[in-house]
Structures are given as C-alpha cells and as structure tokens.
PDB file of N, CA and C in Angstrom:
ATOM      1  N   MET A   1     -27.232 -43.540  50.400  1.00  0.00           N
ATOM      2  CA  MET A   1     -27.939 -42.400  49.867  1.00  0.00           C
ATOM      3  C   MET A   1     -26.982 -41.237  49.620  1.00  0.00           C
ATOM      4  N   LEU A   2     -26.063 -41.021  50.536  1.00  0.00           N
ATOM      5  CA  LEU A   2     -25.114 -39.911  50.399  1.00  0.00           C
ATOM      6  C   LEU A   2     -24.176 -40.130  49.217  1.00  0.00           C
ATOM      7  N   LYS A   3     -23.734 -41.375  49.023  1.00  0.00           N
ATOM      8  CA  LYS A   3     -22.853 -41.671  47.889  1.00  0.00           C
ATOM      9  C   LYS A   3     -23.564 -41.414  46.567  1.00  0.00           C
ATOM     10  N   LYS A   4     -24.831 -41.779  46.506  1.00  0.00           N
ATOM     11  CA  LYS A   4     -25.611 -41.553  45.293  1.00  0.00           C
ATOM     12  C   LYS A   4     -25.752 -40.060  45.021  1.00  0.00           C
ATOM     13  N   LYS A   5     -25.989 -39.291  46.051  1.00  0.00           N
ATOM     14  CA  LYS A   5     -26.131 -37.841  45.915  1.00  0.00           C
ATOM     15  C   LYS A   5     -24.819 -37.203  45.448  1.00  0.00           C
ATOM     16  N   ILE A   6     -23.715 -37.651  45.999  1.00  0.00           N
ATOM     17  CA  ILE A   6     -22.405 -37.124  45.594  1.00  0.00           C
ATOM     18  C   ILE A   6     -22.102 -37.487  44.148  1.00  0.00           C
ATOM     19  N   MET A   7     -22.387 -38.725  43.753  1.00  0.00           N
ATOM     20  CA  MET A   7     -22.136 -39.145  42.375  1.00  0.00           C
ATOM     21  C   MET A   7     -23.008 -38.369  41.391  1.00  0.00           C
ATOM     22  N   LEU A   8     -24.269 -38.166  41.719  1.00  0.00           N
ATOM     23  CA  LEU A   8     -25.151 -37.392  40.844  1.00  0.00           C
ATOM     24  C   LEU A   8     -24.675 -35.950  40.730  1.00  0.00           C
ATOM     25  N   THR A   9     -24.217 -35.393  41.828  1.00  0.00           N
ATOM     26  CA  THR A   9     -23.695 -34.027  41.804  1.00  0.00           C
ATOM     27  C   THR A   9     -22.483 -33.935  40.895  1.00  0.00           C
ATOM     28  N   LEU A  10     -21.571 -34.890  41.000  1.00  0.00           N
ATOM     29  CA  LEU A  10     -20.382 -34.880  40.149  1.00  0.00           C
ATOM     30  C   LEU A  10     -20.749 -35.065  38.675  1.00  0.00           C
ATOM     31  N   ILE A  11     -21.701 -35.926  38.401  1.00  0.00           N
ATOM     32  CA  ILE A  11     -22.142 -36.137  37.013  1.00  0.00           C
ATOM     33  C   ILE A  11     -22.735 -34.851  36.445  1.00  0.00           C
ATOM     34  N   PHE A  12     -23.553 -34.173  37.229  1.00  0.00           N
ATOM     35  CA  PHE A  12     -24.146 -32.931  36.744  1.00  0.00           C
ATOM     36  C   PHE A  12     -23.104 -31.829  36.591  1.00  0.00           C
ATOM     37  N   PHE A  13     -22.071 -31.832  37.421  1.00  0.00           N
ATOM     38  CA  PHE A  13     -20.987 -30.868  37.238  1.00  0.00           C
ATOM     39  C   PHE A  13     -20.230 -31.138  35.942  1.00  0.00           C
ATOM     40  N   VAL A  14     -20.076 -32.397  35.584  1.00  0.00           N
ATOM     41  CA  VAL A  14     -19.436 -32.728  34.308  1.00  0.00           C
ATOM     42  C   VAL A  14     -20.286 -32.207  33.150  1.00  0.00           C
ATOM     43  N   PHE A  15     -21.597 -32.416  33.223  1.00  0.00           N
ATOM     44  CA  PHE A  15     -22.482 -31.892  32.171  1.00  0.00           C
ATOM     45  C   PHE A  15     -22.442 -30.371  32.114  1.00  0.00           C
ATOM     46  N   PHE A  16     -22.420 -29.738  33.265  1.00  0.00           N
ATOM     47  CA  PHE A  16     -22.356 -28.277  33.341  1.00  0.00           C
ATOM     48  C   PHE A  16     -21.075 -27.762  32.683  1.00  0.00           C
ATOM     49  N   SER A  17     -19.959 -28.375  33.001  1.00  0.00           N
ATOM     50  CA  SER A  17     -18.677 -27.978  32.419  1.00  0.00           C
ATOM     51  C   SER A  17     -18.643 -28.253  30.923  1.00  0.00           C
ATOM     52  N   PHE A  18     -19.218 -29.361  30.514  1.00  0.00           N
ATOM     53  CA  PHE A  18     -19.293 -29.693  29.093  1.00  0.00           C
ATOM     54  C   PHE A  18     -20.108 -28.645  28.339  1.00  0.00           C
ATOM     55  N   GLY A  19     -21.202 -28.200  28.936  1.00  0.00           N
ATOM     56  CA  GLY A  19     -22.031 -27.167  28.326  1.00  0.00           C
ATOM     57  C   GLY A  19     -21.296 -25.851  28.165  1.00  0.00           C
ATOM     58  N   ILE A  20     -20.537 -25.462  29.177  1.00  0.00           N
ATOM     59  CA  ILE A  20     -19.754 -24.225  29.090  1.00  0.00           C
ATOM     60  C   ILE A  20     -18.700 -24.352  28.005  1.00  0.00           C
ATOM     61  N   ALA A  21     -18.023 -25.494  27.958  1.00  0.00           N
ATOM     62  CA  ALA A  21     -16.995 -25.697  26.929  1.00  0.00           C
ATOM     63  C   ALA A  21     -17.598 -25.638  25.532  1.00  0.00           C
ATOM     64  N   LEU A  22     -18.782 -26.215  25.358  1.00  0.00           N
ATOM     65  CA  LEU A  22     -19.450 -26.161  24.059  1.00  0.00           C
ATOM     66  C   LEU A  22     -19.867 -24.733  23.699  1.00  0.00           C
ATOM     67  N   GLN A  23     -20.356 -23.982  24.673  1.00  0.00           N
ATOM     68  CA  GLN A  23     -20.730 -22.594  24.418  1.00  0.00           C
ATOM     69  C   GLN A  23     -19.534 -21.768  23.957  1.00  0.00           C
ATOM     70  N   VAL A  24     -18.420 -21.935  24.628  1.00  0.00           N
ATOM     71  CA  VAL A  24     -17.217 -21.187  24.272  1.00  0.00           C
ATOM     72  C   VAL A  24     -16.719 -21.622  22.907  1.00  0.00           C
ATOM     73  N   LYS A  25     -16.718 -22.925  22.665  1.00  0.00           N
ATOM     74  CA  LYS A  25     -16.218 -23.462  21.398  1.00  0.00           C
ATOM     75  C   LYS A  25     -17.070 -23.021  20.209  1.00  0.00           C
ATOM     76  N   SER A  26     -18.385 -22.951  20.392  1.00  0.00           N
ATOM     77  CA  SER A  26     -19.269 -22.628  19.280  1.00  0.00           C
ATOM     78  C   SER A  26     -19.526 -21.135  19.124  1.00  0.00           C
ATOM     79  N   ASN A  27     -18.984 -20.331  20.016  1.00  0.00           N
ATOM     80  CA  ASN A  27     -19.135 -18.872  19.978  1.00  0.00           C
ATOM     81  C   ASN A  27     -20.589 -18.421  20.061  1.00  0.00           C
ATOM     82  N   ILE A  28     -21.404 -19.148  20.821  1.00  0.00           N
ATOM     83  CA  ILE A  28     -22.758 -18.661  21.077  1.00  0.00           C
ATOM     84  C   ILE A  28     -22.721 -17.914  22.402  1.00  0.00           C
ATOM     85  N   GLY A  29     -23.814 -17.312  22.765  1.00  0.00           N
ATOM     86  CA  GLY A  29     -23.843 -16.480  23.959  1.00  0.00           C
ATOM     87  C   GLY A  29     -23.489 -17.216  25.235  1.00  0.00           C
ATOM     88  N   GLN A  30     -22.773 -16.532  26.103  1.00  0.00           N
ATOM     89  CA  GLN A  30     -22.417 -17.077  27.402  1.00  0.00           C
ATOM     90  C   GLN A  30     -23.015 -16.204  28.498  1.00  0.00           C
ATOM     91  N   SER A  31     -22.933 -16.692  29.707  1.00  0.00           N
ATOM     92  CA  SER A  31     -23.332 -15.872  30.841  1.00  0.00           C
ATOM     93  C   SER A  31     -22.295 -14.762  31.019  1.00  0.00           C
ATOM     94  N   ALA A  32     -22.645 -13.778  31.804  1.00  0.00           N
ATOM     95  CA  ALA A  32     -21.730 -12.655  32.025  1.00  0.00           C
ATOM     96  C   ALA A  32     -20.416 -13.125  32.650  1.00  0.00           C
ATOM     97  N   MET A  33     -20.518 -14.072  33.560  1.00  0.00           N
ATOM     98  CA  MET A  33     -19.316 -14.594  34.225  1.00  0.00           C
ATOM     99  C   MET A  33     -18.401 -15.303  33.230  1.00  0.00           C
ATOM    100  N   ASN A  34     -18.960 -16.150  32.389  1.00  0.00           N
ATOM    101  CA  ASN A  34     -18.147 -16.876  31.417  1.00  0.00           C
ATOM    102  C   ASN A  34     -17.589 -15.945  30.348  1.00  0.00           C
ATOM    103  N   ALA A  35     -18.374 -14.942  29.955  1.00  0.00           N
ATOM    104  CA  ALA A  35     -17.887 -13.981  28.967  1.00  0.00           C
ATOM    105  C   ALA A  35     -16.724 -13.175  29.534  1.00  0.00           C
ATOM    106  N   PHE A  36     -16.821 -12.781  30.803  1.00  0.00           N
ATOM    107  CA  PHE A  36     -15.726 -12.059  31.454  1.00  0.00           C
ATOM    108  C   PHE A  36     -14.490 -12.954  31.554  1.00  0.00           C
ATOM    109  N   GLY A  37     -14.699 -14.210  31.918  1.00  0.00           N
ATOM    110  CA  GLY A  37     -13.584 -15.153  31.980  1.00  0.00           C
ATOM    111  C   GLY A  37     -12.947 -15.383  30.626  1.00  0.00           C
ATOM    112  N   LEU A  38     -13.768 -15.444  29.589  1.00  0.00           N
ATOM    113  CA  LEU A  38     -13.255 -15.616  28.228  1.00  0.00           C
ATOM    114  C   LEU A  38     -12.432 -14.411  27.799  1.00  0.00           C
ATOM    115  N   SER A  39     -12.901 -13.213  28.149  1.00  0.00           N
ATOM    116  CA  SER A  39     -12.143 -12.000  27.826  1.00  0.00           C
ATOM    117  C   SER A  39     -10.802 -11.981  28.545  1.00  0.00           C
ATOM    118  N   LEU A  40     -10.811 -12.305  29.829  1.00  0.00           N
ATOM    119  CA  LEU A  40      -9.558 -12.331  30.589  1.00  0.00           C
ATOM    120  C   LEU A  40      -8.602 -13.400  30.065  1.00  0.00           C
ATOM    121  N   SER A  41      -9.143 -14.539  29.667  1.00  0.00           N
ATOM    122  CA  SER A  41      -8.269 -15.601  29.156  1.00  0.00           C
ATOM    123  C   SER A  41      -7.643 -15.191  27.828  1.00  0.00           C
ATOM    124  N   SER A  42      -8.368 -14.416  27.033  1.00  0.00           N
ATOM    125  CA  SER A  42      -7.795 -13.924  25.775  1.00  0.00           C
ATOM    126  C   SER A  42      -6.716 -12.883  26.027  1.00  0.00           C
ATOM    127  N   ILE A  43      -6.938 -12.024  26.992  1.00  0.00           N
ATOM    128  CA  ILE A  43      -5.964 -10.965  27.303  1.00  0.00           C
ATOM    129  C   ILE A  43      -4.684 -11.550  27.870  1.00  0.00           C
ATOM    130  N   PHE A  44      -4.803 -12.466  28.827  1.00  0.00           N
ATOM    131  CA  PHE A  44      -3.636 -13.000  29.530  1.00  0.00           C
ATOM    132  C   PHE A  44      -3.111 -14.309  28.945  1.00  0.00           C
ATOM    133  N   HIS A  45      -3.756 -14.816  27.891  1.00  0.00           N
ATOM    134  CA  HIS A  45      -3.314 -16.032  27.203  1.00  0.00           C
ATOM    135  C   HIS A  45      -3.227 -17.241  28.140  1.00  0.00           C
ATOM    136  N   ILE A  46      -4.290 -17.427  28.915  1.00  0.00           N
ATOM    137  CA  ILE A  46      -4.409 -18.618  29.756  1.00  0.00           C
ATOM    138  C   ILE A  46      -5.727 -19.303  29.399  1.00  0.00           C
ATOM    139  N   LYS A  47      -5.876 -20.537  29.814  1.00  0.00           N
ATOM    140  CA  LYS A  47      -7.065 -21.313  29.460  1.00  0.00           C
ATOM    141  C   LYS A  47      -8.303 -20.770  30.160  1.00  0.00           C
ATOM    142  N   ILE A  48      -9.441 -20.915  29.492  1.00  0.00           N
ATOM    143  CA  ILE A  48     -10.703 -20.403  30.018  1.00  0.00           C
ATOM    144  C   ILE A  48     -11.076 -21.058  31.350  1.00  0.00           C
ATOM    145  N   GLY A  49     -10.845 -22.346  31.497  1.00  0.00           N
ATOM    146  CA  GLY A  49     -11.151 -23.026  32.761  1.00  0.00           C
ATOM    147  C   GLY A  49     -10.305 -22.503  33.909  1.00  0.00           C
ATOM    148  N   THR A  50      -9.052 -22.199  33.630  1.00  0.00           N
ATOM    149  CA  THR A  50      -8.164 -21.641  34.654  1.00  0.00           C
ATOM    150  C   THR A  50      -8.637 -20.257  35.058  1.00  0.00           C
ATOM    151  N   THR A  51      -9.054 -19.464  34.077  1.00  0.00           N
ATOM    152  CA  THR A  51      -9.559 -18.118  34.374  1.00  0.00           C
ATOM    153  C   THR A  51     -10.828 -18.196  35.217  1.00  0.00           C
ATOM    154  N   ILE A  52     -11.730 -19.094  34.852  1.00  0.00           N
ATOM    155  CA  ILE A  52     -12.962 -19.241  35.632  1.00  0.00           C
ATOM    156  C   ILE A  52     -12.640 -19.736  37.040  1.00  0.00           C
ATOM    157  N   ASN A  53     -11.649 -20.626  37.171  1.00  0.00           N
ATOM    158  CA  ASN A  53     -11.204 -21.054  38.503  1.00  0.00           C
ATOM    159  C   ASN A  53     -10.730 -19.874  39.329  1.00  0.00           C
ATOM    160  N   LEU A  54      -9.910 -19.022  38.733  1.00  0.00           N
ATOM    161  CA  LEU A  54      -9.376 -17.866  39.463  1.00  0.00           C
ATOM    162  C   LEU A  54     -10.491 -16.906  39.872  1.00  0.00           C
ATOM    163  N   LEU A  55     -11.400 -16.617  38.961  1.00  0.00           N
ATOM    164  CA  LEU A  55     -12.513 -15.713  39.289  1.00  0.00           C
ATOM    165  C   LEU A  55     -13.393 -16.295  40.389  1.00  0.00           C
ATOM    166  N   ASN A  56     -13.739 -17.566  40.265  1.00  0.00           N
ATOM    167  CA  ASN A  56     -14.578 -18.201  41.287  1.00  0.00           C
ATOM    168  C   ASN A  56     -13.857 -18.288  42.626  1.00  0.00           C
ATOM    169  N   THR A  57     -12.551 -18.460  42.610  1.00  0.00           N
ATOM    170  CA  THR A  57     -11.781 -18.486  43.860  1.00  0.00           C
ATOM    171  C   THR A  57     -11.808 -17.126  44.536  1.00  0.00           C
ATOM    172  N   VAL A  58     -11.694 -16.062  43.744  1.00  0.00           N
ATOM    173  CA  VAL A  58     -11.789 -14.709  44.314  1.00  0.00           C
ATOM    174  C   VAL A  58     -13.164 -14.499  44.938  1.00  0.00           C
ATOM    175  N   PHE A  59     -14.219 -14.919  44.239  1.00  0.00           N
ATOM    176  CA  PHE A  59     -15.567 -14.794  44.791  1.00  0.00           C
ATOM    177  C   PHE A  59     -15.735 -15.647  46.048  1.00  0.00           C
ATOM    178  N   PHE A  60     -15.162 -16.839  46.030  1.00  0.00           N
ATOM    179  CA  PHE A  60     -15.258 -17.723  47.195  1.00  0.00           C
ATOM    180  C   PHE A  60     -14.542 -17.118  48.399  1.00  0.00           C
ATOM    181  N   LEU A  61     -13.349 -16.576  48.178  1.00  0.00           N
ATOM    182  CA  LEU A  61     -12.606 -15.964  49.294  1.00  0.00           C
ATOM    183  C   LEU A  61     -13.335 -14.734  49.837  1.00  0.00           C
ATOM    184  N   THR A  62     -13.981 -13.988  48.972  1.00  0.00           N
ATOM    185  CA  THR A  62     -14.790 -12.856  49.423  1.00  0.00           C
ATOM    186  C   THR A  62     -15.959 -13.349  50.277  1.00  0.00           C
ATOM    187  N   TYR A  63     -16.565 -14.436  49.847  1.00  0.00           N
ATOM    188  CA  TYR A  63     -17.655 -15.050  50.603  1.00  0.00           C
ATOM    189  C   TYR A  63     -17.178 -15.519  51.978  1.00  0.00           C
ATOM    190  N   VAL A  64     -16.008 -16.135  52.023  1.00  0.00           N
ATOM    191  CA  VAL A  64     -15.447 -16.611  53.295  1.00  0.00           C
ATOM    192  C   VAL A  64     -15.145 -15.425  54.212  1.00  0.00           C
ATOM    193  N   CYS A  65     -14.648 -14.334  53.644  1.00  0.00           N
ATOM    194  CA  CYS A  65     -14.397 -13.133  54.454  1.00  0.00           C
ATOM    195  C   CYS A  65     -15.691 -12.571  55.021  1.00  0.00           C
ATOM    196  N   CYS A  66     -16.763 -12.627  54.236  1.00  0.00           N
ATOM    197  CA  CYS A  66     -18.064 -12.165  54.724  1.00  0.00           C
ATOM    198  C   CYS A  66     -18.569 -13.038  55.865  1.00  0.00           C
ATOM    199  N   LEU A  67     -18.208 -14.306  55.834  1.00  0.00           N
ATOM    200  CA  LEU A  67     -18.579 -15.224  56.921  1.00  0.00           C
ATOM    201  C   LEU A  67     -17.647 -15.110  58.117  1.00  0.00           C
ATOM    202  N   LYS A  68     -16.681 -14.211  58.032  1.00  0.00           N
ATOM    203  CA  LYS A  68     -15.669 -14.020  59.079  1.00  0.00           C
ATOM    204  C   LYS A  68     -14.889 -15.300  59.334  1.00  0.00           C
ATOM    205  N   PHE A  69     -14.581 -16.003  58.249  1.00  0.00           N
ATOM    206  CA  PHE A  69     -13.743 -17.205  58.241  1.00  0.00           C
ATOM    207  C   PHE A  69     -14.336 -18.357  59.052  1.00  0.00           C
ATOM    208  N   LYS A  70     -15.630 -18.346  59.289  1.00  0.00           N
ATOM    209  CA  LYS A  70     -16.320 -19.456  59.957  1.00  0.00           C
ATOM    210  C   LYS A  70     -16.942 -20.319  58.869  1.00  0.00           C
ATOM    211  N   ILE A  71     -16.151 -21.205  58.306  1.00  0.00           N
ATOM    212  CA  ILE A  71     -16.650 -22.013  57.198  1.00  0.00           C
ATOM    213  C   ILE A  71     -16.969 -23.431  57.664  1.00  0.00           C
ATOM    214  N   SER A  72     -17.934 -24.012  56.993  1.00  0.00           N
ATOM    215  CA  SER A  72     -18.347 -25.376  57.314  1.00  0.00           C
ATOM    216  C   SER A  72     -17.869 -26.317  56.210  1.00  0.00           C
ATOM    217  N   MET A  73     -18.211 -27.558  56.356  1.00  0.00           N
ATOM    218  CA  MET A  73     -17.852 -28.561  55.347  1.00  0.00           C
ATOM    219  C   MET A  73     -18.507 -28.236  54.006  1.00  0.00           C
ATOM    220  N   LYS A  74     -19.685 -27.647  54.047  1.00  0.00           N
ATOM    221  CA  LYS A  74     -20.392 -27.257  52.825  1.00  0.00           C
ATOM    222  C   LYS A  74     -19.555 -26.266  52.005  1.00  0.00           C
ATOM    223  N   GLU A  75     -18.967 -25.303  52.654  1.00  0.00           N
ATOM    224  CA  GLU A  75     -18.138 -24.329  51.953  1.00  0.00           C
ATOM    225  C   GLU A  75     -16.843 -24.957  51.428  1.00  0.00           C
ATOM    226  N   ILE A  76     -16.286 -25.875  52.162  1.00  0.00           N
ATOM    227  CA  ILE A  76     -15.075 -26.559  51.699  1.00  0.00           C
ATOM    228  C   ILE A  76     -15.386 -27.379  50.447  1.00  0.00           C
ATOM    229  N   LEU A  77     -16.528 -28.065  50.448  1.00  0.00           N
ATOM    230  CA  LEU A  77     -16.952 -28.811  49.259  1.00  0.00           C
ATOM    231  C   LEU A  77     -17.207 -27.878  48.084  1.00  0.00           C
ATOM    232  N   GLN A  78     -17.744 -26.710  48.369  1.00  0.00           N
ATOM    233  CA  GLN A  78     -17.997 -25.731  47.317  1.00  0.00           C
ATOM    234  C   GLN A  78     -16.689 -25.345  46.626  1.00  0.00           C
ATOM    235  N   PHE A  79     -15.636 -25.160  47.381  1.00  0.00           N
ATOM    236  CA  PHE A  79     -14.337 -24.833  46.786  1.00  0.00           C
ATOM    237  C   PHE A  79     -13.839 -25.988  45.916  1.00  0.00           C
ATOM    238  N   GLY A  80     -14.056 -27.213  46.362  1.00  0.00           N
ATOM    239  CA  GLY A  80     -13.679 -28.367  45.556  1.00  0.00           C
ATOM    240  C   GLY A  80     -14.416 -28.391  44.231  1.00  0.00           C
ATOM    241  N   TYR A  81     -15.693 -28.047  44.247  1.00  0.00           N
ATOM    242  CA  TYR A  81     -16.477 -28.001  43.014  1.00  0.00           C
ATOM    243  C   TYR A  81     -15.996 -26.888  42.088  1.00  0.00           C
ATOM    244  N   ILE A  82     -15.524 -25.795  42.657  1.00  0.00           N
ATOM    245  CA  ILE A  82     -14.956 -24.713  41.836  1.00  0.00           C
ATOM    246  C   ILE A  82     -13.778 -25.246  41.031  1.00  0.00           C
ATOM    247  N   ILE A  83     -12.906 -25.958  41.692  1.00  0.00           N
ATOM    248  CA  ILE A  83     -11.712 -26.493  41.027  1.00  0.00           C
ATOM    249  C   ILE A  83     -12.107 -27.533  39.980  1.00  0.00           C
ATOM    250  N   ILE A  84     -13.019 -28.423  40.326  1.00  0.00           N
ATOM    251  CA  ILE A  84     -13.464 -29.452  39.383  1.00  0.00           C
ATOM    252  C   ILE A  84     -14.068 -28.811  38.136  1.00  0.00           C
ATOM    253  N   ASN A  85     -14.856 -27.765  38.320  1.00  0.00           N
ATOM    254  CA  ASN A  85     -15.507 -27.090  37.198  1.00  0.00           C
ATOM    255  C   ASN A  85     -14.477 -26.551  36.211  1.00  0.00           C
ATOM    256  N   GLY A  86     -13.485 -25.829  36.689  1.00  0.00           N
ATOM    257  CA  GLY A  86     -12.469 -25.270  35.798  1.00  0.00           C
ATOM    258  C   GLY A  86     -11.634 -26.326  35.104  1.00  0.00           C
ATOM    259  N   VAL A  87     -11.292 -27.369  35.833  1.00  0.00           N
ATOM    260  CA  VAL A  87     -10.494 -28.453  35.243  1.00  0.00           C
ATOM    261  C   VAL A  87     -11.288 -29.155  34.147  1.00  0.00           C
ATOM    262  N   MET A  88     -12.568 -29.393  34.399  1.00  0.00           N
ATOM    263  CA  MET A  88     -13.398 -30.066  33.406  1.00  0.00           C
ATOM    264  C   MET A  88     -13.625 -29.189  32.173  1.00  0.00           C
ATOM    265  N   ILE A  89     -13.756 -27.880  32.354  1.00  0.00           N
ATOM    266  CA  ILE A  89     -13.894 -26.984  31.203  1.00  0.00           C
ATOM    267  C   ILE A  89     -12.644 -27.059  30.345  1.00  0.00           C
ATOM    268  N   ASN A  90     -11.475 -27.013  30.967  1.00  0.00           N
ATOM    269  CA  ASN A  90     -10.223 -27.143  30.210  1.00  0.00           C
ATOM    270  C   ASN A  90     -10.136 -28.506  29.527  1.00  0.00           C
ATOM    271  N   PHE A  91     -10.586 -29.539  30.204  1.00  0.00           N
ATOM    272  CA  PHE A  91     -10.555 -30.887  29.641  1.00  0.00           C
ATOM    273  C   PHE A  91     -11.415 -30.982  28.381  1.00  0.00           C
ATOM    274  N   PHE A  92     -12.636 -30.450  28.454  1.00  0.00           N
ATOM    275  CA  PHE A  92     -13.543 -30.537  27.312  1.00  0.00           C
ATOM    276  C   PHE A  92     -13.156 -29.588  26.188  1.00  0.00           C
ATOM    277  N   ARG A  93     -12.426 -28.539  26.480  1.00  0.00           N
ATOM    278  CA  ARG A  93     -11.991 -27.608  25.427  1.00  0.00           C
ATOM    279  C   ARG A  93     -10.924 -28.239  24.533  1.00  0.00           C
ATOM    280  N   VAL A  94     -10.289 -29.296  24.976  1.00  0.00           N
ATOM    281  CA  VAL A  94      -9.260 -29.957  24.186  1.00  0.00           C
ATOM    282  C   VAL A  94      -9.866 -30.642  22.967  1.00  0.00           C
ATOM    283  N   PHE A  95     -11.076 -31.163  23.104  1.00  0.00           N
ATOM    284  CA  PHE A  95     -11.706 -31.919  22.024  1.00  0.00           C
ATOM    285  C   PHE A  95     -12.182 -31.011  20.917  1.00  0.00           C
ATOM    286  N   ASN A  96     -12.067 -31.475  19.704  1.00  0.00           N
ATOM    287  CA  ASN A  96     -12.561 -30.755  18.541  1.00  0.00           C
ATOM    288  C   ASN A  96     -13.910 -31.342  18.168  1.00  0.00           C
ATOM    289  N   PHE A  97     -14.986 -30.617  18.412  1.00  0.00           N
ATOM    290  CA  PHE A  97     -16.335 -31.128  18.213  1.00  0.00           C
ATOM    291  C   PHE A  97     -16.866 -30.907  16.804  1.00  0.00           C
ATOM    292  N   THR A  98     -16.074 -30.323  15.922  1.00  0.00           N
ATOM    293  CA  THR A  98     -16.567 -30.044  14.568  1.00  0.00           C
ATOM    294  C   THR A  98     -16.244 -31.164  13.620  1.00  0.00           C
TER     295      THR A  98
END
C-alpha cells in the first residue's frame, strides 16, 4: 500500500511539474509563486525550475526554523519533493510543444 501511495504521489508531481512548464511556455497566467520565480529567472538568467527550487528551499528552511529544527521524516520527504519539482520543470521546459 505504501509503495502504491509513493508511486501515485510521484506521478502526480510529474503532472504538476508538467502543468507549470506548460503554463510558463504558453505565457498564460501563473500563480504568484511561479510568476515571481519566472521574474527572478529572467533577471538572473537561470532556469525557472532552479529558481523555484531556490525559493521553495528558502521557504522550507524558514519552516524548519519555525519548528526549531525538530523535523520528521515527513519534512525530509517534503524537501525531496521540492527538488523533484524543480528538476521536472526544467526537464519539461526543454521540449518544444508547438
């Protein structure tokens, strides 16, 4: 049961990242977080997935500080998903969908 749950979570993260990559590629509206990441990636000339990784890492570290560094396995997995999300966004941005 746990393996199935992990696989479904990873599949949905791939779809989530694919959706963000399509939004950025097609220039339709994004969430505030993705729009901020897109602006920063344009300013600093780095990939959008890398920028989103950096922003989410800053938010994650702030969250860990609020927990007074008492993190569980759930929080460690959350950080892994942050990295997977940014890598997958960069991966899907390589493809030309037009």
